[in-house]
Amino acid sequence: MKTDLVVAGYIFHKNKVLLVHHKKLNLWLPVGGHIDKDETPDQALLREIKEETNIEAEILNKNDMPLEGNVKENLAIPFHANLHSVGDHEHCCLFYACKALNPEKIEINKELKNFKWFSEEELNNKEVPLDVRNIGLKAFDMVKNEI
């Protein structure tokens, strides 16, 4: 089966995480999408966040190794990765935790029905898919001291 490499970001603001209601899939999901040719996962994630929500974000869990030798840039370390089905193909997804820098500017694009900031407790709502909930709860645990 065809497998695409994708990224997704659990974006935090004021102890809540942003989920978007995707029109095509009719699901509440973290913001994300495909990694384009010649694009790093970090670049893809920041681009997708901007395209889908119009907000700027900072990716958390950055690597602090020195930029020495042939290293041009240190990339963020995903807190989770999985392979999941999206119907006619699969996604190998790298998940990141992010901090919203200008959440007041949120404006969703035409791919999305809606957006909502979910508290940790609200991730248990029936509207949130189980995998999105479980990964979101892991993200909350990871960022507790950073948001």
N, C-alpha and C. Protein backbone atom coordinates (compact mmCIF):
# COMPACT_ATOMS: atom_id res chain seq x y z
N MET A 1 0.84 -1.19 0.00
CA MET A 1 0.00 0.00 0.00
C MET A 1 0.89 1.25 0.00
N LYS A 2 0.43 2.29 -0.67
CA LYS A 2 1.15 3.55 -0.73
C LYS A 2 1.26 4.15 0.68
N THR A 3 2.45 4.62 1.04
CA THR A 3 2.68 5.25 2.34
C THR A 3 3.31 6.61 2.15
N ASP A 4 2.68 7.65 2.72
CA ASP A 4 3.19 9.02 2.66
C ASP A 4 3.78 9.41 4.00
N LEU A 5 4.84 10.19 3.98
CA LEU A 5 5.44 10.72 5.20
C LEU A 5 4.78 12.05 5.52
N VAL A 6 4.22 12.15 6.74
CA VAL A 6 3.47 13.34 7.16
C VAL A 6 3.89 13.77 8.56
N VAL A 7 3.48 15.00 8.91
CA VAL A 7 3.75 15.55 10.24
C VAL A 7 2.44 16.04 10.84
N ALA A 8 2.39 16.08 12.18
CA ALA A 8 1.23 16.63 12.88
C ALA A 8 1.71 17.32 14.14
N GLY A 9 1.05 18.42 14.48
CA GLY A 9 1.43 19.18 15.65
C GLY A 9 0.30 19.35 16.64
N TYR A 10 0.57 18.99 17.86
CA TYR A 10 -0.36 19.30 18.97
C TYR A 10 0.07 20.67 19.48
N ILE A 11 -0.73 21.68 19.15
CA ILE A 11 -0.38 23.08 19.41
C ILE A 11 -1.05 23.52 20.71
N PHE A 12 -0.24 24.02 21.65
CA PHE A 12 -0.74 24.39 22.97
C PHE A 12 -0.82 25.90 23.17
N HIS A 13 -1.85 26.30 23.92
CA HIS A 13 -2.01 27.69 24.36
C HIS A 13 -2.87 27.68 25.62
N LYS A 14 -2.39 28.32 26.67
CA LYS A 14 -3.13 28.42 27.94
C LYS A 14 -3.67 27.07 28.41
N ASN A 15 -2.80 26.08 28.43
CA ASN A 15 -3.14 24.75 28.94
C ASN A 15 -4.23 24.04 28.15
N LYS A 16 -4.37 24.40 26.88
CA LYS A 16 -5.30 23.71 25.99
C LYS A 16 -4.57 23.39 24.69
N VAL A 17 -5.09 22.39 23.98
CA VAL A 17 -4.48 21.96 22.73
C VAL A 17 -5.47 22.19 21.59
N LEU A 18 -4.95 22.63 20.47
CA LEU A 18 -5.78 22.92 19.30
C LEU A 18 -6.01 21.66 18.48
N LEU A 19 -7.29 21.38 18.20
CA LEU A 19 -7.66 20.35 17.22
C LEU A 19 -8.51 21.02 16.16
N VAL A 20 -8.43 20.50 14.94
CA VAL A 20 -9.21 21.02 13.83
C VAL A 20 -10.13 19.93 13.31
N HIS A 21 -11.33 20.33 12.86
CA HIS A 21 -12.28 19.38 12.31
C HIS A 21 -12.07 19.34 10.80
N HIS A 22 -11.50 18.23 10.33
CA HIS A 22 -11.14 18.05 8.93
C HIS A 22 -12.39 17.71 8.12
N LYS A 23 -12.65 18.46 7.04
CA LYS A 23 -13.85 18.24 6.22
C LYS A 23 -13.86 16.87 5.55
N LYS A 24 -12.78 16.54 4.83
CA LYS A 24 -12.74 15.29 4.05
C LYS A 24 -12.85 14.06 4.94
N LEU A 25 -12.15 14.07 6.05
CA LEU A 25 -12.14 12.91 6.94
C LEU A 25 -13.24 12.96 7.99
N ASN A 26 -13.85 14.13 8.19
CA ASN A 26 -14.89 14.34 9.20
C ASN A 26 -14.44 13.88 10.58
N LEU A 27 -13.22 14.31 10.94
CA LEU A 27 -12.63 13.93 12.22
C LEU A 27 -11.95 15.14 12.86
N TRP A 28 -11.89 15.14 14.19
CA TRP A 28 -11.09 16.11 14.94
C TRP A 28 -9.67 15.58 14.98
N LEU A 29 -8.72 16.40 14.48
CA LEU A 29 -7.33 15.98 14.34
C LEU A 29 -6.39 17.11 14.74
N PRO A 30 -5.14 16.78 15.03
CA PRO A 30 -4.15 17.86 15.17
C PRO A 30 -3.85 18.43 13.79
N VAL A 31 -3.32 19.62 13.75
CA VAL A 31 -2.94 20.25 12.49
C VAL A 31 -1.76 19.49 11.89
N GLY A 32 -1.77 19.31 10.57
CA GLY A 32 -0.66 18.63 9.95
C GLY A 32 -0.87 18.38 8.48
N GLY A 33 0.09 17.67 7.89
CA GLY A 33 -0.01 17.36 6.47
C GLY A 33 1.27 16.73 5.94
N HIS A 34 1.32 16.64 4.62
CA HIS A 34 2.42 15.98 3.93
C HIS A 34 3.71 16.81 3.97
N ILE A 35 4.82 16.09 4.00
CA ILE A 35 6.13 16.72 3.87
C ILE A 35 6.43 16.80 2.38
N ASP A 36 6.63 18.00 1.89
CA ASP A 36 6.92 18.22 0.47
C ASP A 36 8.36 17.86 0.15
N LYS A 37 8.63 17.66 -1.15
CA LYS A 37 9.98 17.38 -1.63
C LYS A 37 10.90 18.54 -1.20
N ASP A 38 12.10 18.21 -0.77
CA ASP A 38 13.12 19.18 -0.36
C ASP A 38 12.72 19.97 0.89
N GLU A 39 11.88 19.41 1.72
CA GLU A 39 11.40 20.08 2.92
C GLU A 39 11.72 19.20 4.13
N THR A 40 12.19 19.82 5.21
CA THR A 40 12.41 19.06 6.44
C THR A 40 11.07 18.88 7.16
N PRO A 41 10.98 17.92 8.09
CA PRO A 41 9.74 17.80 8.87
C PRO A 41 9.39 19.09 9.62
N ASP A 42 10.39 19.78 10.19
CA ASP A 42 10.13 21.03 10.90
C ASP A 42 9.53 22.08 9.97
N GLN A 43 10.11 22.23 8.79
CA GLN A 43 9.59 23.19 7.82
C GLN A 43 8.17 22.84 7.41
N ALA A 44 7.93 21.54 7.16
CA ALA A 44 6.59 21.09 6.76
C ALA A 44 5.56 21.40 7.83
N LEU A 45 5.92 21.13 9.08
CA LEU A 45 4.97 21.35 10.17
C LEU A 45 4.62 22.83 10.31
N LEU A 46 5.62 23.68 10.32
CA LEU A 46 5.36 25.12 10.46
C LEU A 46 4.56 25.66 9.27
N ARG A 47 4.84 25.14 8.06
CA ARG A 47 4.08 25.54 6.88
C ARG A 47 2.63 25.10 6.99
N GLU A 48 2.40 23.85 7.38
CA GLU A 48 1.03 23.34 7.51
C GLU A 48 0.24 24.11 8.57
N ILE A 49 0.89 24.42 9.69
CA ILE A 49 0.21 25.18 10.75
C ILE A 49 -0.22 26.54 10.21
N LYS A 50 0.67 27.20 9.49
CA LYS A 50 0.36 28.52 8.92
C LYS A 50 -0.74 28.40 7.86
N GLU A 51 -0.63 27.43 6.96
CA GLU A 51 -1.63 27.26 5.89
C GLU A 51 -3.01 26.92 6.43
N GLU A 52 -3.07 26.04 7.43
CA GLU A 52 -4.37 25.57 7.93
C GLU A 52 -5.01 26.50 8.95
N THR A 53 -4.17 27.21 9.72
CA THR A 53 -4.74 28.00 10.83
C THR A 53 -4.35 29.47 10.85
N ASN A 54 -3.40 29.84 10.03
CA ASN A 54 -2.90 31.22 9.97
C ASN A 54 -2.12 31.64 11.23
N ILE A 55 -1.73 30.69 12.07
CA ILE A 55 -0.97 31.08 13.25
C ILE A 55 0.49 30.65 13.12
N GLU A 56 1.33 31.34 13.86
CA GLU A 56 2.75 31.00 13.95
C GLU A 56 2.91 30.12 15.19
N ALA A 57 3.84 29.18 15.12
CA ALA A 57 4.07 28.28 16.25
C ALA A 57 5.56 28.04 16.44
N GLU A 58 5.87 27.64 17.64
CA GLU A 58 7.22 27.20 17.98
C GLU A 58 7.16 25.71 18.26
N ILE A 59 8.03 24.95 17.60
CA ILE A 59 8.09 23.51 17.85
C ILE A 59 8.90 23.29 19.12
N LEU A 60 8.34 22.54 20.05
CA LEU A 60 9.03 22.24 21.31
C LEU A 60 9.91 21.00 21.12
N ASN A 61 10.71 20.70 22.11
CA ASN A 61 11.60 19.53 22.10
C ASN A 61 12.66 19.65 21.00
N LYS A 62 13.22 20.85 20.89
CA LYS A 62 14.31 21.08 19.93
C LYS A 62 15.57 20.40 20.42
N ASN A 63 16.35 19.98 19.49
CA ASN A 63 17.63 19.34 19.76
C ASN A 63 18.67 20.43 20.03
N ASP A 64 19.46 20.30 21.10
CA ASP A 64 20.44 21.34 21.43
C ASP A 64 21.89 20.91 21.15
N MET A 65 22.08 19.98 20.26
CA MET A 65 23.43 19.57 19.88
C MET A 65 24.12 20.74 19.18
N PRO A 66 25.43 20.88 19.35
CA PRO A 66 26.13 21.98 18.69
C PRO A 66 26.10 21.83 17.16
N LEU A 67 26.07 22.96 16.48
CA LEU A 67 26.12 22.95 15.01
C LEU A 67 27.59 22.90 14.59
N GLU A 68 28.11 21.69 14.57
CA GLU A 68 29.52 21.48 14.25
C GLU A 68 29.64 20.46 13.13
N GLY A 69 30.80 20.45 12.49
CA GLY A 69 31.02 19.52 11.39
C GLY A 69 30.12 19.87 10.22
N ASN A 70 29.43 18.87 9.71
CA ASN A 70 28.54 19.07 8.56
C ASN A 70 27.11 19.44 8.95
N VAL A 71 26.83 19.58 10.24
CA VAL A 71 25.45 19.85 10.69
C VAL A 71 25.05 21.28 10.33
N LYS A 72 23.95 21.41 9.59
CA LYS A 72 23.42 22.72 9.19
C LYS A 72 22.34 23.21 10.14
N GLU A 73 21.57 22.28 10.67
CA GLU A 73 20.43 22.63 11.53
C GLU A 73 20.07 21.41 12.36
N ASN A 74 19.72 21.64 13.61
CA ASN A 74 19.19 20.57 14.45
C ASN A 74 17.67 20.60 14.35
N LEU A 75 17.07 19.47 14.11
CA LEU A 75 15.63 19.38 13.97
C LEU A 75 14.99 18.93 15.29
N ALA A 76 13.73 19.29 15.44
CA ALA A 76 12.99 18.88 16.63
C ALA A 76 12.83 17.36 16.65
N ILE A 77 12.70 16.83 17.84
CA ILE A 77 12.53 15.39 18.00
C ILE A 77 11.05 15.10 18.20
N PRO A 78 10.44 14.28 17.32
CA PRO A 78 9.02 13.95 17.51
C PRO A 78 8.83 13.24 18.85
N PHE A 79 7.69 13.50 19.50
CA PHE A 79 7.41 12.79 20.75
C PHE A 79 6.69 11.47 20.49
N HIS A 80 6.24 11.28 19.24
CA HIS A 80 5.53 10.05 18.89
C HIS A 80 5.58 9.89 17.38
N ALA A 81 5.50 8.65 16.91
CA ALA A 81 5.39 8.36 15.48
C ALA A 81 4.51 7.13 15.33
N ASN A 82 3.72 7.11 14.24
CA ASN A 82 2.90 5.92 13.98
C ASN A 82 2.61 5.77 12.50
N LEU A 83 2.04 4.65 12.15
CA LEU A 83 1.55 4.37 10.81
C LEU A 83 0.05 4.20 10.95
N HIS A 84 -0.71 4.99 10.18
CA HIS A 84 -2.17 4.87 10.27
C HIS A 84 -2.80 4.97 8.88
N SER A 85 -3.98 4.41 8.75
CA SER A 85 -4.70 4.39 7.49
C SER A 85 -5.51 5.66 7.31
N VAL A 86 -5.54 6.15 6.07
CA VAL A 86 -6.42 7.27 5.72
C VAL A 86 -7.30 6.85 4.55
N GLY A 87 -7.69 5.59 4.55
CA GLY A 87 -8.58 5.08 3.51
C GLY A 87 -7.82 4.37 2.41
N ASP A 88 -7.47 5.10 1.34
CA ASP A 88 -6.85 4.48 0.18
C ASP A 88 -5.32 4.39 0.26
N HIS A 89 -4.74 4.94 1.33
CA HIS A 89 -3.30 4.84 1.54
C HIS A 89 -2.99 5.01 3.03
N GLU A 90 -1.71 4.95 3.36
CA GLU A 90 -1.33 5.07 4.76
C GLU A 90 -0.42 6.27 4.97
N HIS A 91 -0.41 6.74 6.21
CA HIS A 91 0.47 7.84 6.61
C HIS A 91 1.43 7.35 7.67
N CYS A 92 2.72 7.59 7.44
CA CYS A 92 3.74 7.43 8.48
C CYS A 92 3.87 8.83 9.07
N CYS A 93 3.39 9.02 10.30
CA CYS A 93 3.25 10.35 10.88
C CYS A 93 4.22 10.58 12.03
N LEU A 94 4.88 11.74 11.97
CA LEU A 94 5.75 12.22 13.05
C LEU A 94 4.97 13.28 13.82
N PHE A 95 4.82 13.09 15.12
CA PHE A 95 4.02 13.99 15.96
C PHE A 95 4.92 14.88 16.81
N TYR A 96 4.57 16.16 16.85
CA TYR A 96 5.33 17.17 17.59
C TYR A 96 4.42 17.96 18.51
N ALA A 97 4.99 18.44 19.59
CA ALA A 97 4.29 19.38 20.47
C ALA A 97 4.78 20.78 20.11
N CYS A 98 3.84 21.73 20.07
CA CYS A 98 4.16 23.10 19.67
C CYS A 98 3.48 24.08 20.62
N LYS A 99 4.00 25.30 20.60
CA LYS A 99 3.40 26.39 21.36
C LYS A 99 2.92 27.44 20.36
N ALA A 100 1.65 27.86 20.49
CA ALA A 100 1.10 28.90 19.62
C ALA A 100 1.71 30.24 20.00
N LEU A 101 2.19 30.98 19.01
CA LEU A 101 2.80 32.28 19.26
C LEU A 101 1.81 33.44 19.09
N ASN A 102 0.83 33.27 18.23
CA ASN A 102 -0.18 34.31 18.01
C ASN A 102 -1.57 33.69 17.83
N PRO A 103 -2.07 33.00 18.86
CA PRO A 103 -3.34 32.27 18.73
C PRO A 103 -4.55 33.14 18.40
N GLU A 104 -4.45 34.43 18.71
CA GLU A 104 -5.57 35.34 18.43
C GLU A 104 -5.77 35.53 16.93
N LYS A 105 -4.81 35.13 16.11
CA LYS A 105 -4.90 35.30 14.65
C LYS A 105 -5.45 34.06 13.95
N ILE A 106 -5.97 33.10 14.71
CA ILE A 106 -6.42 31.86 14.09
C ILE A 106 -7.54 32.11 13.08
N GLU A 107 -7.37 31.47 11.95
CA GLU A 107 -8.33 31.56 10.85
C GLU A 107 -8.15 30.29 10.03
N ILE A 108 -9.12 29.39 10.06
CA ILE A 108 -8.95 28.10 9.40
C ILE A 108 -9.17 28.21 7.89
N ASN A 109 -8.53 27.31 7.16
CA ASN A 109 -8.67 27.30 5.70
C ASN A 109 -9.84 26.44 5.25
N LYS A 110 -10.01 26.32 3.95
CA LYS A 110 -11.18 25.63 3.38
C LYS A 110 -11.17 24.12 3.58
N GLU A 111 -10.03 23.53 3.95
CA GLU A 111 -9.97 22.08 4.21
C GLU A 111 -10.66 21.72 5.52
N LEU A 112 -10.90 22.72 6.36
CA LEU A 112 -11.36 22.47 7.72
C LEU A 112 -12.77 23.01 7.94
N LYS A 113 -13.53 22.29 8.80
CA LYS A 113 -14.88 22.73 9.19
C LYS A 113 -14.84 23.70 10.37
N ASN A 114 -13.95 23.42 11.32
CA ASN A 114 -13.97 24.15 12.58
C ASN A 114 -12.64 23.92 13.31
N PHE A 115 -12.49 24.63 14.42
CA PHE A 115 -11.35 24.42 15.32
C PHE A 115 -11.85 24.57 16.75
N LYS A 116 -11.09 23.99 17.67
CA LYS A 116 -11.45 24.10 19.08
C LYS A 116 -10.20 23.87 19.92
N TRP A 117 -10.08 24.65 20.99
CA TRP A 117 -9.02 24.44 21.97
C TRP A 117 -9.58 23.48 23.04
N PHE A 118 -8.94 22.31 23.18
CA PHE A 118 -9.39 21.27 24.11
C PHE A 118 -8.51 21.25 25.35
N SER A 119 -9.15 21.18 26.52
CA SER A 119 -8.39 20.95 27.75
C SER A 119 -8.00 19.47 27.79
N GLU A 120 -7.13 19.13 28.72
CA GLU A 120 -6.72 17.73 28.87
C GLU A 120 -7.94 16.84 29.11
N GLU A 121 -8.86 17.30 29.95
CA GLU A 121 -10.07 16.53 30.26
C GLU A 121 -10.98 16.41 29.04
N GLU A 122 -11.08 17.47 28.24
CA GLU A 122 -11.97 17.47 27.08
C GLU A 122 -11.50 16.52 25.97
N LEU A 123 -10.24 16.10 26.02
CA LEU A 123 -9.77 15.12 25.04
C LEU A 123 -10.51 13.80 25.20
N ASN A 124 -11.15 13.59 26.34
CA ASN A 124 -11.93 12.37 26.56
C ASN A 124 -13.33 12.46 25.98
N ASN A 125 -13.71 13.61 25.38
CA ASN A 125 -15.02 13.73 24.75
C ASN A 125 -15.16 12.71 23.62
N LYS A 126 -16.40 12.24 23.41
CA LYS A 126 -16.65 11.22 22.38
C LYS A 126 -16.29 11.70 20.98
N GLU A 127 -16.32 13.02 20.75
CA GLU A 127 -16.02 13.55 19.42
C GLU A 127 -14.55 13.40 19.03
N VAL A 128 -13.68 13.17 20.00
CA VAL A 128 -12.24 13.06 19.75
C VAL A 128 -11.90 11.58 19.50
N PRO A 129 -11.34 11.26 18.33
CA PRO A 129 -10.96 9.86 18.06
C PRO A 129 -9.99 9.34 19.12
N LEU A 130 -10.06 8.05 19.40
CA LEU A 130 -9.25 7.46 20.47
C LEU A 130 -7.75 7.67 20.27
N ASP A 131 -7.26 7.51 19.03
CA ASP A 131 -5.83 7.69 18.80
C ASP A 131 -5.42 9.15 19.00
N VAL A 132 -6.27 10.08 18.58
CA VAL A 132 -5.99 11.51 18.76
C VAL A 132 -5.97 11.84 20.25
N ARG A 133 -6.90 11.25 20.99
CA ARG A 133 -6.94 11.45 22.45
C ARG A 133 -5.67 10.92 23.10
N ASN A 134 -5.31 9.69 22.79
CA ASN A 134 -4.15 9.06 23.43
C ASN A 134 -2.86 9.81 23.14
N ILE A 135 -2.67 10.22 21.90
CA ILE A 135 -1.47 10.95 21.53
C ILE A 135 -1.50 12.35 22.17
N GLY A 136 -2.69 12.96 22.21
CA GLY A 136 -2.85 14.27 22.84
C GLY A 136 -2.53 14.23 24.33
N LEU A 137 -2.97 13.18 25.01
CA LEU A 137 -2.66 13.05 26.44
C LEU A 137 -1.16 12.89 26.67
N LYS A 138 -0.51 12.16 25.76
CA LYS A 138 0.95 12.02 25.84
C LYS A 138 1.62 13.38 25.64
N ALA A 139 1.08 14.17 24.71
CA ALA A 139 1.63 15.52 24.47
C ALA A 139 1.46 16.40 25.71
N PHE A 140 0.29 16.33 26.35
CA PHE A 140 0.07 17.11 27.59
C PHE A 140 1.12 16.74 28.63
N ASP A 141 1.37 15.44 28.80
CA ASP A 141 2.38 15.01 29.78
C ASP A 141 3.76 15.57 29.45
N MET A 142 4.08 15.60 28.16
CA MET A 142 5.39 16.07 27.74
C MET A 142 5.60 17.55 27.98
N VAL A 143 4.53 18.36 27.81
CA VAL A 143 4.70 19.82 27.84
C VAL A 143 4.28 20.46 29.15
N LYS A 144 3.90 19.69 30.13
CA LYS A 144 3.39 20.25 31.38
C LYS A 144 4.26 21.37 31.94
N ASN A 145 5.56 21.28 31.84
CA ASN A 145 6.45 22.30 32.39
C ASN A 145 6.83 23.39 31.39
N GLU A 146 6.32 23.26 30.15
CA GLU A 146 6.73 24.21 29.11
C GLU A 146 5.61 25.15 28.67
N ILE A 147 4.36 24.89 29.08
CA ILE A 147 3.26 25.75 28.63
C ILE A 147 2.65 26.52 29.80
